[in-house]
Every structure is written in C-alpha cells, then in structure tokens.
C-alpha cells in the first residue's frame, strides 16, 4: 500500500479528495429534496387538468409544470416521465391564434405561453384541448395551435389518463 501511495502524485490525491468533497453536498441536495416523495418511485406519469384563462398566471404555473419532467430528481429516475396536459374552460382561448378580447400585454403573455407549449410538445409532453369548451366559448377549432390534439371531451381524456395510472394535478 505504501508503495502505491508513493507512485500517486500528492497533487492528484488532493484534487481527487477536493472533487469528492465538493460533489457530495450537490448530489445529496438534489436527491434529498424529494427523498420522501420519490422513495421507491421508478417514474412519474402525470396529467395536468388545466382551466385557468389568465395568461400571466399560465406562464408562472407552466414553469412548474415543465419542471415536473425537467427536474433532475425526476429525470434521473429509472423510467422516463410521461406528462399529459388537458385544457378545458377559459384557458382554451390562450391556445388560439385569435387574440380578440386581449390587450397588448396579455397578447405578449399568450405568445410566451404558446412558445412554452411548443417547446413542451417537442420535449414529448402530450397536449390536448377539449372541443366542448372550444365550442361553448364560440371559438373556431381551426385557430387552435397545431401542436395540440383536439378531443371531444377533455374530462374523458383526464379520466382515461387516470385509468392508465397517471396522477391527476388540477390547475383551476
């Protein structure tokens, strides 16, 4: 053992020890933050049931929605996370190219929100809009973002995802 220690330069051992000491708190803080919630969990399947029609609120909330699959504690699980989002109620207006009824500030928030949704779709999130809500609000389904799958009744989608084992998170 003494001979091995003599052959390894002291600088290398100091650097190795420092790297280990620096990495230790980082790994435990990331993993430790969700130790209770993710104990024994192999992967997360979640459906977000969204109805709020406030564009600024949507942007704040969707940072957290997106983080549910981007967060290192979740993305490092053995099974890839699966996220679905079902839109119904007034939020469907935020999915349209028709911006009538919104002021300039709200239109900018809607643009930001739609950009986030496009990114989420590219990252694998399933996006669905309730056509019942679209029709009740007098909207043209042709104005809905093409990245969003149109379904007749969003409640059936939420119930279907739940039956498949997805956890349901409601964003009123």
N, C-alpha and C. Protein backbone atom coordinates (compact mmCIF):
# COMPACT_ATOMS: atom_id res chain seq x y z
N UNK A 1 0.82 -1.19 0.00
CA UNK A 1 0.00 0.00 0.00
C UNK A 1 0.87 1.25 0.00
N UNK A 2 1.91 1.24 0.81
CA UNK A 2 2.80 2.38 0.90
C UNK A 2 3.45 2.65 -0.46
N UNK A 3 3.77 1.60 -1.19
CA UNK A 3 4.40 1.76 -2.49
C UNK A 3 3.43 2.38 -3.49
N UNK A 4 2.17 1.99 -3.44
CA UNK A 4 1.15 2.57 -4.31
C UNK A 4 1.01 4.05 -4.02
N UNK A 5 0.95 4.40 -2.73
CA UNK A 5 0.79 5.79 -2.34
C UNK A 5 1.96 6.65 -2.82
N UNK A 6 3.16 6.09 -2.85
CA UNK A 6 4.33 6.84 -3.30
C UNK A 6 4.26 7.09 -4.80
N UNK A 7 3.61 6.18 -5.55
CA UNK A 7 3.56 6.31 -7.01
C UNK A 7 2.48 7.29 -7.48
N UNK A 8 1.51 7.60 -6.62
CA UNK A 8 0.46 8.54 -6.99
C UNK A 8 0.88 9.93 -6.51
N UNK A 9 0.96 10.88 -7.43
CA UNK A 9 1.38 12.22 -7.03
C UNK A 9 0.43 12.83 -6.00
N UNK A 10 0.99 13.54 -5.06
CA UNK A 10 0.22 14.16 -3.99
C UNK A 10 -0.81 15.15 -4.55
N UNK A 11 -0.46 15.89 -5.58
CA UNK A 11 -1.39 16.85 -6.18
C UNK A 11 -2.65 16.14 -6.69
N UNK A 12 -2.48 15.00 -7.32
CA UNK A 12 -3.62 14.24 -7.84
C UNK A 12 -4.55 13.82 -6.72
N UNK A 13 -3.97 13.35 -5.62
CA UNK A 13 -4.78 12.89 -4.48
C UNK A 13 -5.55 14.05 -3.86
N UNK A 14 -4.91 15.22 -3.76
CA UNK A 14 -5.58 16.39 -3.21
C UNK A 14 -6.74 16.81 -4.11
N UNK A 15 -6.51 16.82 -5.41
CA UNK A 15 -7.57 17.19 -6.37
C UNK A 15 -8.72 16.19 -6.30
N UNK A 16 -8.41 14.91 -6.24
CA UNK A 16 -9.44 13.88 -6.14
C UNK A 16 -10.25 14.04 -4.86
N UNK A 17 -9.58 14.27 -3.76
CA UNK A 17 -10.27 14.45 -2.49
C UNK A 17 -11.17 15.69 -2.52
N UNK A 18 -10.69 16.77 -3.09
CA UNK A 18 -11.48 18.00 -3.19
C UNK A 18 -12.72 17.78 -4.07
N UNK A 19 -12.53 17.09 -5.18
CA UNK A 19 -13.66 16.82 -6.08
C UNK A 19 -14.73 16.00 -5.38
N UNK A 20 -14.31 15.00 -4.63
CA UNK A 20 -15.27 14.18 -3.90
C UNK A 20 -15.99 14.98 -2.83
N UNK A 21 -15.28 15.83 -2.13
CA UNK A 21 -15.90 16.64 -1.08
C UNK A 21 -16.87 17.66 -1.66
N UNK A 22 -16.54 18.22 -2.83
CA UNK A 22 -17.44 19.19 -3.46
C UNK A 22 -18.68 18.52 -4.05
N UNK A 23 -18.54 17.33 -4.58
CA UNK A 23 -19.67 16.63 -5.22
C UNK A 23 -20.64 16.07 -4.20
N UNK A 24 -20.18 15.73 -3.03
CA UNK A 24 -21.03 15.11 -2.03
C UNK A 24 -22.23 15.96 -1.65
N UNK A 25 -22.06 17.25 -1.30
CA UNK A 25 -23.27 18.02 -0.96
C UNK A 25 -24.19 18.26 -2.14
N UNK A 26 -23.67 18.33 -3.35
CA UNK A 26 -24.52 18.56 -4.52
C UNK A 26 -25.43 17.38 -4.76
N UNK A 27 -24.89 16.19 -4.72
CA UNK A 27 -25.71 15.01 -5.01
C UNK A 27 -26.76 14.79 -3.93
N UNK A 28 -26.40 15.03 -2.69
CA UNK A 28 -27.38 14.78 -1.64
C UNK A 28 -28.48 15.85 -1.62
N UNK A 29 -28.15 17.09 -2.03
CA UNK A 29 -29.19 18.12 -2.02
C UNK A 29 -30.20 17.90 -3.13
N UNK A 30 -29.76 17.46 -4.30
CA UNK A 30 -30.69 17.20 -5.39
C UNK A 30 -31.56 16.00 -5.05
N UNK A 31 -30.94 14.91 -4.67
CA UNK A 31 -31.70 13.71 -4.35
C UNK A 31 -32.50 13.90 -3.07
N UNK A 32 -31.92 14.54 -2.07
CA UNK A 32 -32.54 14.68 -0.77
C UNK A 32 -33.78 15.54 -0.77
N UNK A 33 -33.89 16.46 -1.70
CA UNK A 33 -35.02 17.38 -1.73
C UNK A 33 -36.35 16.63 -1.87
N UNK A 34 -36.35 15.55 -2.59
CA UNK A 34 -37.58 14.79 -2.85
C UNK A 34 -37.50 13.35 -2.33
N UNK A 35 -36.63 13.10 -1.35
CA UNK A 35 -36.47 11.74 -0.82
C UNK A 35 -37.79 11.10 -0.41
N UNK A 36 -38.61 11.82 0.31
CA UNK A 36 -39.89 11.26 0.78
C UNK A 36 -40.84 11.01 -0.39
N UNK A 37 -40.99 11.98 -1.25
CA UNK A 37 -41.96 11.88 -2.34
C UNK A 37 -41.56 10.84 -3.38
N UNK A 38 -40.27 10.69 -3.64
CA UNK A 38 -39.83 9.80 -4.71
C UNK A 38 -39.28 8.46 -4.20
N UNK A 39 -39.45 8.19 -2.92
CA UNK A 39 -38.97 6.92 -2.36
C UNK A 39 -39.65 5.74 -3.04
N UNK A 40 -38.87 4.90 -3.65
CA UNK A 40 -39.39 3.71 -4.33
C UNK A 40 -40.03 3.97 -5.68
N UNK A 41 -40.02 5.21 -6.14
CA UNK A 41 -40.66 5.57 -7.41
C UNK A 41 -39.70 5.30 -8.56
N UNK A 42 -40.19 4.61 -9.59
CA UNK A 42 -39.37 4.33 -10.77
C UNK A 42 -39.55 5.40 -11.84
N UNK A 43 -40.74 5.99 -11.89
CA UNK A 43 -41.03 7.01 -12.89
C UNK A 43 -42.32 7.74 -12.53
N UNK A 44 -42.52 8.87 -13.16
CA UNK A 44 -43.72 9.68 -12.89
C UNK A 44 -44.54 9.81 -14.16
N UNK A 45 -45.84 9.51 -14.05
CA UNK A 45 -46.81 9.74 -15.10
C UNK A 45 -47.84 10.69 -14.51
N UNK A 46 -48.01 11.86 -15.13
CA UNK A 46 -48.91 12.87 -14.57
C UNK A 46 -49.71 13.54 -15.67
N UNK A 47 -50.99 13.79 -15.39
CA UNK A 47 -51.84 14.55 -16.29
C UNK A 47 -52.26 15.82 -15.56
N UNK A 48 -52.05 16.95 -16.21
CA UNK A 48 -52.45 18.24 -15.67
C UNK A 48 -53.79 18.62 -16.29
N UNK A 49 -54.75 18.90 -15.45
CA UNK A 49 -56.12 19.26 -15.81
C UNK A 49 -56.20 20.78 -15.66
N UNK A 50 -56.13 21.53 -16.77
CA UNK A 50 -55.92 22.98 -16.73
C UNK A 50 -57.15 23.73 -17.24
N UNK A 51 -57.57 24.77 -16.47
CA UNK A 51 -58.72 25.56 -16.92
C UNK A 51 -58.53 27.07 -16.80
N UNK A 52 -57.54 27.55 -16.06
CA UNK A 52 -57.38 28.99 -15.84
C UNK A 52 -57.08 29.74 -17.13
N UNK A 53 -57.82 30.81 -17.37
CA UNK A 53 -57.65 31.58 -18.60
C UNK A 53 -56.82 32.83 -18.46
N UNK A 54 -56.05 32.96 -17.38
CA UNK A 54 -55.23 34.13 -17.16
C UNK A 54 -53.84 33.90 -17.77
N UNK A 55 -53.46 34.66 -18.80
CA UNK A 55 -52.20 34.40 -19.49
C UNK A 55 -50.96 34.56 -18.61
N UNK A 56 -50.93 35.57 -17.74
CA UNK A 56 -49.77 35.77 -16.86
C UNK A 56 -49.66 34.61 -15.87
N UNK A 57 -50.79 34.20 -15.30
CA UNK A 57 -50.82 33.07 -14.37
C UNK A 57 -50.34 31.80 -15.07
N UNK A 58 -50.78 31.60 -16.29
CA UNK A 58 -50.38 30.40 -17.04
C UNK A 58 -48.87 30.33 -17.19
N UNK A 59 -48.24 31.45 -17.48
CA UNK A 59 -46.78 31.44 -17.64
C UNK A 59 -46.06 31.12 -16.34
N UNK A 60 -46.57 31.63 -15.23
CA UNK A 60 -45.95 31.33 -13.93
C UNK A 60 -46.11 29.85 -13.61
N UNK A 61 -47.31 29.34 -13.76
CA UNK A 61 -47.60 27.95 -13.41
C UNK A 61 -46.89 26.97 -14.35
N UNK A 62 -46.81 27.30 -15.63
CA UNK A 62 -46.24 26.33 -16.56
C UNK A 62 -44.72 26.19 -16.44
N UNK A 63 -44.08 27.12 -15.75
CA UNK A 63 -42.67 26.88 -15.41
C UNK A 63 -42.61 25.64 -14.52
N UNK A 64 -43.48 25.57 -13.51
CA UNK A 64 -43.51 24.44 -12.58
C UNK A 64 -43.99 23.16 -13.25
N UNK A 65 -44.97 23.28 -14.15
CA UNK A 65 -45.46 22.11 -14.89
C UNK A 65 -44.31 21.50 -15.69
N UNK A 66 -43.59 22.33 -16.40
CA UNK A 66 -42.47 21.85 -17.22
C UNK A 66 -41.37 21.25 -16.34
N UNK A 67 -41.18 21.82 -15.17
CA UNK A 67 -40.14 21.33 -14.26
C UNK A 67 -40.45 19.92 -13.76
N UNK A 68 -41.72 19.47 -13.82
CA UNK A 68 -42.04 18.13 -13.34
C UNK A 68 -41.33 17.04 -14.13
N UNK A 69 -40.95 17.32 -15.37
CA UNK A 69 -40.18 16.31 -16.11
C UNK A 69 -38.75 16.76 -16.38
N UNK A 70 -38.44 18.04 -16.23
CA UNK A 70 -37.07 18.51 -16.45
C UNK A 70 -36.23 18.45 -15.18
N UNK A 71 -36.85 18.43 -14.03
CA UNK A 71 -36.14 18.42 -12.76
C UNK A 71 -35.22 17.20 -12.69
N UNK A 72 -34.00 17.40 -12.24
CA UNK A 72 -33.01 16.33 -12.19
C UNK A 72 -33.46 15.15 -11.33
N UNK A 73 -34.17 15.44 -10.24
CA UNK A 73 -34.64 14.36 -9.37
C UNK A 73 -35.62 13.46 -10.10
N UNK A 74 -36.40 13.99 -11.02
CA UNK A 74 -37.37 13.20 -11.79
C UNK A 74 -36.71 12.58 -13.01
N UNK A 75 -35.93 13.35 -13.73
CA UNK A 75 -35.31 12.83 -14.96
C UNK A 75 -34.27 11.76 -14.68
N UNK A 76 -33.79 11.68 -13.44
CA UNK A 76 -32.81 10.64 -13.10
C UNK A 76 -33.46 9.35 -12.63
N UNK A 77 -34.79 9.31 -12.54
CA UNK A 77 -35.48 8.07 -12.17
C UNK A 77 -35.27 7.03 -13.27
N UNK A 78 -35.43 5.76 -12.95
CA UNK A 78 -35.15 4.70 -13.92
C UNK A 78 -36.09 4.70 -15.12
N UNK A 79 -37.33 5.20 -14.95
CA UNK A 79 -38.27 5.26 -16.07
C UNK A 79 -38.51 6.72 -16.46
N UNK A 80 -38.57 6.96 -17.75
CA UNK A 80 -38.77 8.32 -18.27
C UNK A 80 -40.15 8.84 -17.84
N UNK A 81 -40.21 10.10 -17.39
CA UNK A 81 -41.52 10.66 -17.01
C UNK A 81 -42.43 10.84 -18.22
N UNK A 82 -43.73 10.73 -17.97
CA UNK A 82 -44.72 10.94 -19.02
C UNK A 82 -45.69 12.02 -18.53
N UNK A 83 -45.83 13.08 -19.34
CA UNK A 83 -46.66 14.21 -18.97
C UNK A 83 -47.72 14.45 -20.03
N UNK A 84 -48.96 14.59 -19.58
CA UNK A 84 -50.07 14.97 -20.46
C UNK A 84 -50.73 16.21 -19.86
N UNK A 85 -51.21 17.08 -20.73
CA UNK A 85 -51.89 18.30 -20.28
C UNK A 85 -53.20 18.39 -21.05
N UNK A 86 -54.29 18.49 -20.31
CA UNK A 86 -55.60 18.61 -20.93
C UNK A 86 -56.17 19.99 -20.58
N UNK A 87 -56.49 20.75 -21.62
CA UNK A 87 -57.00 22.11 -21.46
C UNK A 87 -58.51 22.12 -21.66
N UNK A 88 -59.22 22.77 -20.75
CA UNK A 88 -60.65 23.00 -20.90
C UNK A 88 -61.00 24.27 -20.14
N UNK A 89 -62.17 24.80 -20.37
CA UNK A 89 -62.53 26.07 -19.74
C UNK A 89 -61.89 27.24 -20.47
N UNK A 90 -61.78 28.37 -19.78
CA UNK A 90 -61.32 29.60 -20.42
C UNK A 90 -59.88 29.54 -20.93
N UNK A 91 -59.08 28.62 -20.44
CA UNK A 91 -57.70 28.51 -20.90
C UNK A 91 -57.61 28.21 -22.39
N UNK A 92 -58.66 27.63 -22.97
CA UNK A 92 -58.60 27.29 -24.39
C UNK A 92 -58.42 28.53 -25.26
N UNK A 93 -58.84 29.69 -24.75
CA UNK A 93 -58.64 30.93 -25.51
C UNK A 93 -57.16 31.27 -25.66
N UNK A 94 -56.34 30.77 -24.74
CA UNK A 94 -54.89 31.03 -24.80
C UNK A 94 -54.19 30.14 -25.81
N UNK A 95 -54.91 29.20 -26.37
CA UNK A 95 -54.34 28.25 -27.33
C UNK A 95 -54.64 28.63 -28.77
N UNK A 96 -55.33 29.73 -28.95
CA UNK A 96 -55.83 30.14 -30.25
C UNK A 96 -54.97 31.23 -30.88
N UNK A 97 -54.99 31.26 -32.20
CA UNK A 97 -54.33 32.36 -32.92
C UNK A 97 -55.20 33.62 -32.90
N UNK A 98 -56.46 33.48 -32.52
CA UNK A 98 -57.38 34.62 -32.41
C UNK A 98 -57.15 35.31 -31.06
N UNK A 99 -56.62 36.53 -31.10
CA UNK A 99 -56.29 37.25 -29.87
C UNK A 99 -57.34 38.31 -29.51
N UNK A 100 -58.49 38.28 -30.16
CA UNK A 100 -59.52 39.29 -29.85
C UNK A 100 -59.95 39.13 -28.39
N UNK A 101 -60.17 40.28 -27.77
CA UNK A 101 -60.56 40.28 -26.35
C UNK A 101 -59.39 40.39 -25.40
N UNK A 102 -58.17 40.38 -25.91
CA UNK A 102 -56.98 40.51 -25.08
C UNK A 102 -56.27 41.81 -25.40
N UNK A 103 -55.73 42.47 -24.37
CA UNK A 103 -54.97 43.70 -24.60
C UNK A 103 -53.53 43.35 -25.00
N UNK A 104 -52.74 44.36 -25.29
CA UNK A 104 -51.38 44.17 -25.79
C UNK A 104 -50.51 43.37 -24.81
N UNK A 105 -50.61 43.69 -23.53
CA UNK A 105 -49.81 42.98 -22.52
C UNK A 105 -50.22 41.50 -22.45
N UNK A 106 -51.51 41.25 -22.48
CA UNK A 106 -52.00 39.86 -22.43
C UNK A 106 -51.58 39.09 -23.69
N UNK A 107 -51.57 39.76 -24.83
CA UNK A 107 -51.15 39.11 -26.08
C UNK A 107 -49.69 38.68 -25.99
N UNK A 108 -48.86 39.51 -25.40
CA UNK A 108 -47.45 39.15 -25.21
C UNK A 108 -47.32 37.93 -24.30
N UNK A 109 -48.14 37.88 -23.25
CA UNK A 109 -48.13 36.73 -22.34
C UNK A 109 -48.61 35.46 -23.06
N UNK A 110 -49.60 35.61 -23.93
CA UNK A 110 -50.10 34.46 -24.70
C UNK A 110 -49.02 33.96 -25.64
N UNK A 111 -48.31 34.86 -26.30
CA UNK A 111 -47.20 34.45 -27.18
C UNK A 111 -46.16 33.65 -26.41
N UNK A 112 -45.82 34.13 -25.22
CA UNK A 112 -44.84 33.44 -24.37
C UNK A 112 -45.37 32.06 -23.97
N UNK A 113 -46.64 32.01 -23.60
CA UNK A 113 -47.27 30.75 -23.19
C UNK A 113 -47.26 29.74 -24.34
N UNK A 114 -47.63 30.19 -25.52
CA UNK A 114 -47.66 29.29 -26.68
C UNK A 114 -46.25 28.81 -27.04
N UNK A 115 -45.26 29.65 -26.87
CA UNK A 115 -43.88 29.24 -27.12
C UNK A 115 -43.49 28.12 -26.15
N UNK A 116 -43.86 28.28 -24.89
CA UNK A 116 -43.59 27.24 -23.89
C UNK A 116 -44.28 25.93 -24.27
N UNK A 117 -45.54 26.02 -24.70
CA UNK A 117 -46.27 24.80 -25.09
C UNK A 117 -45.63 24.12 -26.29
N UNK A 118 -45.17 24.90 -27.26
CA UNK A 118 -44.48 24.31 -28.42
C UNK A 118 -43.22 23.56 -27.99
N UNK A 119 -42.48 24.16 -27.07
CA UNK A 119 -41.27 23.52 -26.55
C UNK A 119 -41.62 22.23 -25.81
N UNK A 120 -42.67 22.29 -25.00
CA UNK A 120 -43.09 21.10 -24.25
C UNK A 120 -43.52 19.98 -25.19
N UNK A 121 -44.23 20.32 -26.26
CA UNK A 121 -44.65 19.32 -27.24
C UNK A 121 -43.42 18.67 -27.88
N UNK A 122 -42.42 19.47 -28.22
CA UNK A 122 -41.18 18.93 -28.80
C UNK A 122 -40.46 18.02 -27.82
N UNK A 123 -40.61 18.30 -26.53
CA UNK A 123 -39.96 17.51 -25.48
C UNK A 123 -40.75 16.26 -25.12
N UNK A 124 -41.91 16.08 -25.75
CA UNK A 124 -42.67 14.85 -25.54
C UNK A 124 -43.93 14.97 -24.70
N UNK A 125 -44.24 16.15 -24.20
CA UNK A 125 -45.49 16.31 -23.45
C UNK A 125 -46.68 16.16 -24.40
N UNK A 126 -47.71 15.45 -23.94
CA UNK A 126 -48.93 15.29 -24.74
C UNK A 126 -49.88 16.43 -24.39
N UNK A 127 -50.31 17.17 -25.39
CA UNK A 127 -51.19 18.32 -25.18
C UNK A 127 -52.53 18.07 -25.84
N UNK A 128 -53.62 18.27 -25.09
CA UNK A 128 -54.96 18.03 -25.61
C UNK A 128 -55.88 19.19 -25.22
N UNK A 129 -56.77 19.55 -26.13
CA UNK A 129 -57.76 20.59 -25.86
C UNK A 129 -59.16 20.01 -26.00
N UNK A 130 -60.03 20.43 -25.10
CA UNK A 130 -61.43 19.98 -25.09
C UNK A 130 -62.23 20.78 -26.11
N UNK A 131 -62.74 20.11 -27.14
CA UNK A 131 -63.54 20.79 -28.15
C UNK A 131 -64.89 21.25 -27.62
N UNK A 132 -65.39 20.58 -26.60
CA UNK A 132 -66.63 21.04 -25.98
C UNK A 132 -66.44 22.46 -25.46
N UNK A 133 -65.31 22.70 -24.76
CA UNK A 133 -65.02 24.05 -24.25
C UNK A 133 -64.81 25.04 -25.40
N UNK A 134 -64.12 24.61 -26.44
CA UNK A 134 -63.89 25.47 -27.61
C UNK A 134 -65.22 25.90 -28.20
N UNK A 135 -66.14 24.96 -28.36
CA UNK A 135 -67.46 25.27 -28.93
C UNK A 135 -68.31 26.13 -28.01
N UNK A 136 -68.32 25.85 -26.71
CA UNK A 136 -69.10 26.63 -25.75
C UNK A 136 -68.63 28.08 -25.75
N UNK A 137 -67.32 28.30 -25.92
CA UNK A 137 -66.78 29.65 -25.92
C UNK A 137 -66.88 30.32 -27.30
N UNK A 138 -67.49 29.63 -28.27
CA UNK A 138 -67.71 30.20 -29.59
C UNK A 138 -66.44 30.37 -30.41
N UNK A 139 -65.46 29.53 -30.16
CA UNK A 139 -64.19 29.62 -30.87
C UNK A 139 -64.17 28.74 -32.10
N UNK A 140 -63.33 29.08 -33.04
CA UNK A 140 -63.12 28.28 -34.24
C UNK A 140 -62.00 27.27 -33.95
N UNK A 141 -62.29 25.97 -34.00
CA UNK A 141 -61.26 24.97 -33.73
C UNK A 141 -60.04 25.08 -34.65
N UNK A 142 -60.22 25.66 -35.82
CA UNK A 142 -59.10 25.81 -36.76
C UNK A 142 -58.05 26.79 -36.25
N UNK A 143 -58.40 27.62 -35.24
CA UNK A 143 -57.44 28.59 -34.70
C UNK A 143 -56.56 28.02 -33.59
N UNK A 144 -56.85 26.79 -33.17
CA UNK A 144 -56.08 26.15 -32.09
C UNK A 144 -54.70 25.75 -32.61
N UNK A 145 -53.69 25.92 -31.76
CA UNK A 145 -52.32 25.57 -32.12
C UNK A 145 -52.26 24.14 -32.68
N UNK A 146 -51.53 23.93 -33.76
CA UNK A 146 -51.47 22.59 -34.36
C UNK A 146 -50.78 21.55 -33.47
N UNK A 147 -50.00 21.98 -32.50
CA UNK A 147 -49.31 21.05 -31.60
C UNK A 147 -50.25 20.41 -30.59
N UNK A 148 -51.47 20.93 -30.52
CA UNK A 148 -52.42 20.46 -29.51
C UNK A 148 -53.47 19.57 -30.14
N UNK A 149 -53.56 18.35 -29.63
CA UNK A 149 -54.53 17.36 -30.12
C UNK A 149 -55.92 17.75 -29.65
N UNK A 150 -56.88 17.78 -30.57
CA UNK A 150 -58.25 18.16 -30.24
C UNK A 150 -59.08 16.93 -29.90
N UNK A 151 -59.70 16.96 -28.70
CA UNK A 151 -60.55 15.84 -28.25
C UNK A 151 -61.95 16.38 -27.97
N UNK A 152 -62.95 15.54 -28.13
CA UNK A 152 -64.33 15.97 -27.95
C UNK A 152 -64.64 16.42 -26.53
N UNK A 153 -64.17 15.68 -25.54
CA UNK A 153 -64.48 15.97 -24.14
C UNK A 153 -63.20 15.77 -23.33
N UNK A 154 -62.66 16.85 -22.80
CA UNK A 154 -61.41 16.79 -22.03
C UNK A 154 -61.52 15.96 -20.77
N UNK A 155 -62.72 15.88 -20.18
CA UNK A 155 -62.88 15.08 -18.97
C UNK A 155 -62.66 13.59 -19.26
N UNK A 156 -63.05 13.15 -20.45
CA UNK A 156 -62.80 11.75 -20.82
C UNK A 156 -61.29 11.51 -20.90
N UNK A 157 -60.56 12.47 -21.46
CA UNK A 157 -59.10 12.34 -21.54
C UNK A 157 -58.48 12.26 -20.15
N UNK A 158 -58.89 13.16 -19.26
CA UNK A 158 -58.33 13.15 -17.90
C UNK A 158 -58.64 11.81 -17.22
N UNK A 159 -59.89 11.35 -17.34
CA UNK A 159 -60.28 10.07 -16.73
C UNK A 159 -59.51 8.91 -17.36
N UNK A 160 -59.29 8.97 -18.67
CA UNK A 160 -58.54 7.92 -19.34
C UNK A 160 -57.10 7.86 -18.88
N UNK A 161 -56.45 9.02 -18.77
CA UNK A 161 -55.08 9.04 -18.27
C UNK A 161 -55.02 8.51 -16.84
N UNK A 162 -56.00 8.92 -16.03
CA UNK A 162 -56.03 8.44 -14.65
C UNK A 162 -56.20 6.92 -14.61
N UNK A 163 -57.04 6.37 -15.47
CA UNK A 163 -57.23 4.92 -15.52
C UNK A 163 -55.96 4.20 -15.95
N UNK A 164 -55.09 4.91 -16.70
CA UNK A 164 -53.81 4.33 -17.12
C UNK A 164 -52.75 4.45 -16.03
N UNK A 165 -53.11 5.06 -14.90
CA UNK A 165 -52.18 5.17 -13.78
C UNK A 165 -51.53 6.53 -13.63
N UNK A 166 -51.92 7.48 -14.45
CA UNK A 166 -51.38 8.84 -14.32
C UNK A 166 -51.94 9.49 -13.05
N UNK A 167 -51.12 10.26 -12.36
CA UNK A 167 -51.60 11.09 -11.26
C UNK A 167 -52.26 12.32 -11.87
N UNK A 168 -53.33 12.80 -11.27
CA UNK A 168 -54.04 13.97 -11.77
C UNK A 168 -53.68 15.19 -10.93
N UNK A 169 -53.24 16.25 -11.59
CA UNK A 169 -52.99 17.53 -10.92
C UNK A 169 -53.91 18.54 -11.57
N UNK A 170 -54.78 19.15 -10.78
CA UNK A 170 -55.73 20.13 -11.31
C UNK A 170 -55.20 21.54 -11.10
N UNK A 171 -55.20 22.31 -12.17
CA UNK A 171 -54.82 23.71 -12.11
C UNK A 171 -56.07 24.50 -12.48
N UNK A 172 -56.81 24.96 -11.45
CA UNK A 172 -58.09 25.63 -11.70
C UNK A 172 -57.92 27.00 -12.36
